[in-house]
Amino acid sequence: MSTMIRTRLRRVFSAVTLSLTFALAACGPKDADIKADVDKAIAGVPGVMVNVAGGVATMSGTLADEATRASTEATVKAVKGVKSVVNNSSVAPPPPPVVISPDDSIKTLATTLLKDYPTLMAEVEDGVITLTGEIKKAELTNAMQALSTLNPKKIVNKATVTK
């Protein structure tokens, strides 16, 4: 074989090899496909969003607790095509504690709130408001809502409801 033919064969072989290399690299998962797979994997987790660019998944949003944040990150990392995860999510602060007012203060405030309902009385014991007397059905919801702002343990309605 002549040198010229060998040189041409080498060039053709190099070109084919280079083309196959690029073709195989292009066959990797696309970001949109990775994102779709990630979204399926974390579908049951509220409050989190994931974007994918160059195989890097970036988490954002607010999650219920640190355990959910960590497990969601692990789930995202396990998705085929994800190269790494940037976890920019946060954990929601705990809800404020429910404050139960002392009986005397609840009684005083309940009496003030019920001044527009003269036939309705409130007794308070251990943080529980017990209503007695009479109240019109149309007024009951407003009275109960007003009393619930006092943060009692419970409101027991023993009042007679009239039309």
C-alpha atoms as a PDB file:
ATOM      1  CA  MET A   1       0.000   0.000   0.000  1.00  0.00           C
ATOM      2  CA  SER A   2       1.286   3.376  -0.827  1.00  0.00           C
ATOM      3  CA  THR A   3       1.963   6.057   1.716  1.00  0.00           C
ATOM      4  CA  MET A   4      -0.677   8.281   0.204  1.00  0.00           C
ATOM      5  CA  ILE A   5      -3.385   5.623   0.634  1.00  0.00           C
ATOM      6  CA  ARG A   6      -2.301   4.966   4.252  1.00  0.00           C
ATOM      7  CA  THR A   7      -2.444   8.677   5.012  1.00  0.00           C
ATOM      8  CA  ARG A   8      -5.935   8.944   3.542  1.00  0.00           C
ATOM      9  CA  LEU A   9      -7.103   5.899   5.510  1.00  0.00           C
ATOM     10  CA  ARG A  10      -5.713   7.380   8.723  1.00  0.00           C
ATOM     11  CA  ARG A  11      -7.532  10.646   8.056  1.00  0.00           C
ATOM     12  CA  VAL A  12     -10.795   8.830   7.317  1.00  0.00           C
ATOM     13  CA  PHE A  13     -10.335   6.665  10.419  1.00  0.00           C
ATOM     14  CA  SER A  14      -9.620   9.770  12.550  1.00  0.00           C
ATOM     15  CA  ALA A  15     -12.652  11.566  11.153  1.00  0.00           C
ATOM     16  CA  VAL A  16     -14.915   8.563  11.835  1.00  0.00           C
ATOM     17  CA  THR A  17     -13.528   8.193  15.371  1.00  0.00           C
ATOM     18  CA  LEU A  18     -14.023  11.885  16.083  1.00  0.00           C
ATOM     19  CA  SER A  19     -17.573  11.796  14.688  1.00  0.00           C
ATOM     20  CA  LEU A  20     -18.474   8.773  16.834  1.00  0.00           C
ATOM     21  CA  THR A  21     -17.048  10.442  19.918  1.00  0.00           C
ATOM     22  CA  PHE A  22     -19.219  13.522  19.404  1.00  0.00           C
ATOM     23  CA  ALA A  23     -22.252  11.404  18.530  1.00  0.00           C
ATOM     24  CA  LEU A  24     -21.931   9.330  21.698  1.00  0.00           C
ATOM     25  CA  ALA A  25     -21.448  12.432  23.837  1.00  0.00           C
ATOM     26  CA  ALA A  26     -24.578  13.970  22.334  1.00  0.00           C
ATOM     27  CA  CYS A  27     -26.568  10.834  23.209  1.00  0.00           C
ATOM     28  CA  GLY A  28     -26.319  11.567  26.953  1.00  0.00           C
ATOM     29  CA  PRO A  29     -29.506  12.603  28.760  1.00  0.00           C
ATOM     30  CA  LYS A  30     -30.706  16.105  28.020  1.00  0.00           C
ATOM     31  CA  ASP A  31     -31.372  18.549  30.861  1.00  0.00           C
ATOM     32  CA  ALA A  32     -35.104  18.624  30.067  1.00  0.00           C
ATOM     33  CA  ASP A  33     -35.275  14.823  30.336  1.00  0.00           C
ATOM     34  CA  ILE A  34     -33.309  14.845  33.601  1.00  0.00           C
ATOM     35  CA  LYS A  35     -35.620  17.540  35.011  1.00  0.00           C
ATOM     36  CA  ALA A  36     -38.686  15.506  34.043  1.00  0.00           C
ATOM     37  CA  ASP A  37     -37.231  12.466  35.831  1.00  0.00           C
ATOM     38  CA  VAL A  38     -36.356  14.544  38.897  1.00  0.00           C
ATOM     39  CA  ASP A  39     -39.850  16.056  38.984  1.00  0.00           C
ATOM     40  CA  LYS A  40     -41.350  12.541  38.922  1.00  0.00           C
ATOM     41  CA  ALA A  41     -39.020  11.393  41.697  1.00  0.00           C
ATOM     42  CA  ILE A  42     -39.954  14.262  44.033  1.00  0.00           C
ATOM     43  CA  ALA A  43     -43.619  14.612  43.050  1.00  0.00           C
ATOM     44  CA  GLY A  44     -44.789  13.833  46.600  1.00  0.00           C
ATOM     45  CA  VAL A  45     -42.608  16.491  48.231  1.00  0.00           C
ATOM     46  CA  PRO A  46     -44.425  19.832  48.552  1.00  0.00           C
ATOM     47  CA  GLY A  47     -42.569  23.129  48.479  1.00  0.00           C
ATOM     48  CA  VAL A  48     -39.508  22.168  46.428  1.00  0.00           C
ATOM     49  CA  MET A  49     -38.533  23.065  42.870  1.00  0.00           C
ATOM     50  CA  VAL A  50     -35.579  21.767  40.882  1.00  0.00           C
ATOM     51  CA  ASN A  51     -33.906  23.243  37.797  1.00  0.00           C
ATOM     52  CA  VAL A  52     -31.310  21.340  35.766  1.00  0.00           C
ATOM     53  CA  ALA A  53     -28.494  22.885  33.734  1.00  0.00           C
ATOM     54  CA  GLY A  54     -25.557  20.884  32.419  1.00  0.00           C
ATOM     55  CA  GLY A  55     -26.606  17.910  34.530  1.00  0.00           C
ATOM     56  CA  VAL A  56     -26.403  19.999  37.732  1.00  0.00           C
ATOM     57  CA  ALA A  57     -29.691  19.992  39.653  1.00  0.00           C
ATOM     58  CA  THR A  58     -30.419  23.095  41.724  1.00  0.00           C
ATOM     59  CA  MET A  59     -33.027  22.719  44.467  1.00  0.00           C
ATOM     60  CA  SER A  60     -34.981  25.696  45.815  1.00  0.00           C
ATOM     61  CA  GLY A  61     -38.062  26.238  47.945  1.00  0.00           C
ATOM     62  CA  THR A  62     -39.058  25.674  51.547  1.00  0.00           C
ATOM     63  CA  LEU A  63     -39.360  22.202  53.031  1.00  0.00           C
ATOM     64  CA  ALA A  64     -41.085  21.053  56.203  1.00  0.00           C
ATOM     65  CA  ASP A  65     -37.980  19.917  58.098  1.00  0.00           C
ATOM     66  CA  GLU A  66     -34.286  19.065  57.791  1.00  0.00           C
ATOM     67  CA  ALA A  67     -34.959  15.344  57.291  1.00  0.00           C
ATOM     68  CA  THR A  68     -37.208  16.082  54.301  1.00  0.00           C
ATOM     69  CA  ARG A  69     -34.584  18.460  52.903  1.00  0.00           C
ATOM     70  CA  ALA A  70     -31.831  15.820  53.166  1.00  0.00           C
ATOM     71  CA  SER A  71     -33.934  12.963  51.781  1.00  0.00           C
ATOM     72  CA  THR A  72     -35.120  15.100  48.861  1.00  0.00           C
ATOM     73  CA  GLU A  73     -31.514  15.976  48.022  1.00  0.00           C
ATOM     74  CA  ALA A  74     -30.586  12.278  48.108  1.00  0.00           C
ATOM     75  CA  THR A  75     -33.542  11.446  45.846  1.00  0.00           C
ATOM     76  CA  VAL A  76     -32.469  14.103  43.328  1.00  0.00           C
ATOM     77  CA  LYS A  77     -28.846  12.863  43.396  1.00  0.00           C
ATOM     78  CA  ALA A  78     -30.033   9.334  42.608  1.00  0.00           C
ATOM     79  CA  VAL A  79     -31.756  10.349  39.351  1.00  0.00           C
ATOM     80  CA  LYS A  80     -29.904   9.135  36.276  1.00  0.00           C
ATOM     81  CA  GLY A  81     -28.038  11.966  34.551  1.00  0.00           C
ATOM     82  CA  VAL A  82     -27.727  14.199  37.634  1.00  0.00           C
ATOM     83  CA  LYS A  83     -24.030  15.003  38.030  1.00  0.00           C
ATOM     84  CA  SER A  84     -24.370  17.006  41.244  1.00  0.00           C
ATOM     85  CA  VAL A  85     -26.950  18.825  43.384  1.00  0.00           C
ATOM     86  CA  VAL A  86     -26.860  22.405  44.604  1.00  0.00           C
ATOM     87  CA  ASN A  87     -29.260  22.528  47.545  1.00  0.00           C
ATOM     88  CA  ASN A  88     -30.541  26.091  47.946  1.00  0.00           C
ATOM     89  CA  SER A  89     -33.723  24.955  49.711  1.00  0.00           C
ATOM     90  CA  SER A  90     -34.556  26.024  53.235  1.00  0.00           C
ATOM     91  CA  VAL A  91     -36.472  24.600  56.179  1.00  0.00           C
ATOM     92  CA  ALA A  92     -39.692  26.265  57.302  1.00  0.00           C
ATOM     93  CA  PRO A  93     -39.541  27.755  60.786  1.00  0.00           C
ATOM     94  CA  PRO A  94     -41.585  25.870  63.380  1.00  0.00           C
ATOM     95  CA  PRO A  95     -45.087  27.200  63.991  1.00  0.00           C
ATOM     96  CA  PRO A  96     -45.453  29.458  67.005  1.00  0.00           C
ATOM     97  CA  PRO A  97     -46.605  27.673  70.135  1.00  0.00           C
ATOM     98  CA  VAL A  98     -50.277  27.880  70.991  1.00  0.00           C
ATOM     99  CA  VAL A  99     -50.665  30.126  73.986  1.00  0.00           C
ATOM    100  CA  ILE A 100     -53.413  29.163  76.412  1.00  0.00           C
ATOM    101  CA  SER A 101     -54.569  32.158  78.395  1.00  0.00           C
ATOM    102  CA  PRO A 102     -55.189  31.881  82.119  1.00  0.00           C
ATOM    103  CA  ASP A 103     -58.831  31.475  83.169  1.00  0.00           C
ATOM    104  CA  ASP A 104     -59.303  34.919  84.750  1.00  0.00           C
ATOM    105  CA  SER A 105     -58.050  36.745  81.713  1.00  0.00           C
ATOM    106  CA  ILE A 106     -60.155  34.583  79.375  1.00  0.00           C
ATOM    107  CA  LYS A 107     -63.252  35.195  81.509  1.00  0.00           C
ATOM    108  CA  THR A 108     -62.722  38.970  81.498  1.00  0.00           C
ATOM    109  CA  LEU A 109     -62.115  39.099  77.742  1.00  0.00           C
ATOM    110  CA  ALA A 110     -64.990  36.694  76.976  1.00  0.00           C
ATOM    111  CA  THR A 111     -67.382  38.896  78.946  1.00  0.00           C
ATOM    112  CA  THR A 112     -66.198  41.908  76.948  1.00  0.00           C
ATOM    113  CA  LEU A 113     -66.557  40.067  73.633  1.00  0.00           C
ATOM    114  CA  LEU A 114     -70.064  38.862  74.505  1.00  0.00           C
ATOM    115  CA  LYS A 115     -71.419  42.312  75.465  1.00  0.00           C
ATOM    116  CA  ASP A 116     -73.364  42.368  72.160  1.00  0.00           C
ATOM    117  CA  TYR A 117     -75.056  39.079  73.139  1.00  0.00           C
ATOM    118  CA  PRO A 118     -76.728  39.883  76.491  1.00  0.00           C
ATOM    119  CA  THR A 119     -78.513  36.509  76.734  1.00  0.00           C
ATOM    120  CA  LEU A 120     -75.280  34.550  76.344  1.00  0.00           C
ATOM    121  CA  MET A 121     -72.948  33.817  79.268  1.00  0.00           C
ATOM    122  CA  ALA A 122     -69.465  32.321  79.366  1.00  0.00           C
ATOM    123  CA  GLU A 123     -67.900  30.307  82.174  1.00  0.00           C
ATOM    124  CA  VAL A 124     -64.201  29.427  82.078  1.00  0.00           C
ATOM    125  CA  GLU A 125     -62.487  26.497  83.755  1.00  0.00           C
ATOM    126  CA  ASP A 126     -59.048  25.081  82.921  1.00  0.00           C
ATOM    127  CA  GLY A 127     -58.929  27.088  79.702  1.00  0.00           C
ATOM    128  CA  VAL A 128     -62.299  25.754  78.466  1.00  0.00           C
ATOM    129  CA  ILE A 129     -65.067  28.267  77.710  1.00  0.00           C
ATOM    130  CA  THR A 130     -68.587  26.943  78.312  1.00  0.00           C
ATOM    131  CA  LEU A 131     -71.416  28.964  76.800  1.00  0.00           C
ATOM    132  CA  THR A 132     -74.882  28.992  78.390  1.00  0.00           C
ATOM    133  CA  GLY A 133     -78.003  31.043  77.852  1.00  0.00           C
ATOM    134  CA  GLU A 134     -79.613  31.780  74.481  1.00  0.00           C
ATOM    135  CA  ILE A 135     -78.309  33.003  71.145  1.00  0.00           C
ATOM    136  CA  LYS A 136     -79.792  33.427  67.707  1.00  0.00           C
ATOM    137  CA  LYS A 137     -78.506  30.981  65.098  1.00  0.00           C
ATOM    138  CA  ALA A 138     -77.340  33.863  62.865  1.00  0.00           C
ATOM    139  CA  GLU A 139     -75.214  35.301  65.706  1.00  0.00           C
ATOM    140  CA  LEU A 140     -73.646  32.049  66.935  1.00  0.00           C
ATOM    141  CA  THR A 141     -70.849  31.865  64.324  1.00  0.00           C
ATOM    142  CA  ASN A 142     -69.705  35.427  65.047  1.00  0.00           C
ATOM    143  CA  ALA A 143     -69.729  34.834  68.812  1.00  0.00           C
ATOM    144  CA  MET A 144     -67.741  31.578  68.453  1.00  0.00           C
ATOM    145  CA  GLN A 145     -65.189  33.228  66.161  1.00  0.00           C
ATOM    146  CA  ALA A 146     -64.744  36.116  68.581  1.00  0.00           C
ATOM    147  CA  LEU A 147     -64.219  33.730  71.511  1.00  0.00           C
ATOM    148  CA  SER A 148     -61.735  31.592  69.560  1.00  0.00           C
ATOM    149  CA  THR A 149     -59.407  34.612  69.307  1.00  0.00           C
ATOM    150  CA  LEU A 150     -58.810  34.180  73.056  1.00  0.00           C
ATOM    151  CA  ASN A 151     -56.998  30.867  72.413  1.00  0.00           C
ATOM    152  CA  PRO A 152     -59.003  28.708  74.811  1.00  0.00           C
ATOM    153  CA  LYS A 153     -58.362  24.970  74.967  1.00  0.00           C
ATOM    154  CA  LYS A 154     -61.898  24.428  73.760  1.00  0.00           C
ATOM    155  CA  ILE A 155     -65.288  26.152  73.460  1.00  0.00           C
ATOM    156  CA  VAL A 156     -68.278  24.104  74.628  1.00  0.00           C
ATOM    157  CA  ASN A 157     -71.628  25.398  73.411  1.00  0.00           C
ATOM    158  CA  LYS A 158     -74.398  24.546  75.870  1.00  0.00           C
ATOM    159  CA  ALA A 159     -76.436  27.588  74.882  1.00  0.00           C
ATOM    160  CA  THR A 160     -79.879  27.255  73.407  1.00  0.00           C
ATOM    161  CA  VAL A 161     -79.829  28.262  69.748  1.00  0.00           C
ATOM    162  CA  THR A 162     -82.950  30.084  68.543  1.00  0.00           C
ATOM    163  CA  LYS A 163     -84.037  31.096  65.063  1.00  0.00           C
END
